[in-house]
Each structure stands twice: as structure tokens, then as C-alpha cells.
Amino acid sequence: MVILGVDPGSWKAGYGVVAASRGGLQHLAHGVIKCGSSRIPLPERLGVLYRELTQVMETFRPDVMALEGLFHSKNPHSSLILGHARGVILLAALHGGVEVHEYSPLMVKQALTGYGLARKEQVRYMVKALLGLAQVLPVDASDALAAAICHAHSWSGPRPRAECP
């Protein structure tokens, strides 16, 4: 199973791709989609996010997307902008035929470190260790890979589709 993890953002969004099998996890790719600066209007930044994420999905053909869920921000404007970015990410997944699973930041941290309040550095260390990577990862890519690993650890096989009456 190929899992695309995404750490949403409107300025930059991290992605990470892993292959999960009974033999373990294999790192396929990671990166950061840079959507632009504050001088670029939001619709254009969201367009960059959509195009780049679509390209990643076309390249790696993931079976599923693991998306880090919303966290509560003290700044309502920032939450609204992040909501727009998440909507674009969900739309890209829908158009790509990729099933989406959302995990709270607490669940992702718990799955990787055993502690739901772990610091980003601890999560980054565990991502690097679990995937056998030598290089230091950008935080956004590390968070995306963490979401993918969380899904791999919690996945229990295909779920039956609900049928409409």
C-alpha cells in the first residue's frame, strides 16, 4: 500500500510518501510544496498547492492519503486560511481518486513516539529512525511522513464501502 501523508499549509505544505507492507515501511519521497509569499494572492497560492499535490499523486499513485487533522488556533484568520488549504488538498485527493484518512496531531504523535504531547523534534527523530533516513528532514515533510506512518500503523485492511439503500 502506498500512503501519501500531507501536512497542510497555505504558504507551504509538506508531503511524504511511504510504501507499507508486512515487511515494514519504505520511504519513497518527501518534500515541501512552496505556495508563495504573502505578496501572492491566496487563490494563486491555493492553485500552486493543487497543481503540485496533483503532480505528486500522479507520480506515486497513492492508495490512500493520511492528512493531519485540524488543530485549534488562537487566530481565527489563520484557521480560516488553513481551512482553505485543507479544502484544496481534499479536492485534489477526490479528483485523484485517493481515499483520505484524517488523524489528529495527538494521534500522530502518539503513534510515532508513544506520547501524544511529544515535541516536533521527537517526531522528526522517530520518522528518521523508522524510515532509516540519514538526512535531516524539513519539519513540514517530517510531519507529513509522520501522518503516513500513523496511517500505516493504524491500518487494519480494506474497509467495506457503505451501500446506499
Foldseek 3Di string as FASTA:
>chain_A
DKEWFWEFDLQKIKIWIWDQDPVAIAGDDIDMQGLDDPVDDSVSSLVSLLVVVLVVCVVPVGQAYEYEDDDDDPDVVRSVSSVSRVVSVVVSCVVSVHHYDYDYCQLLCCLQPVGSPDDLVSLQVSLCVRNVHDDRDDSNNSNRSSRRSSCSVPDDDDDDDDDDD
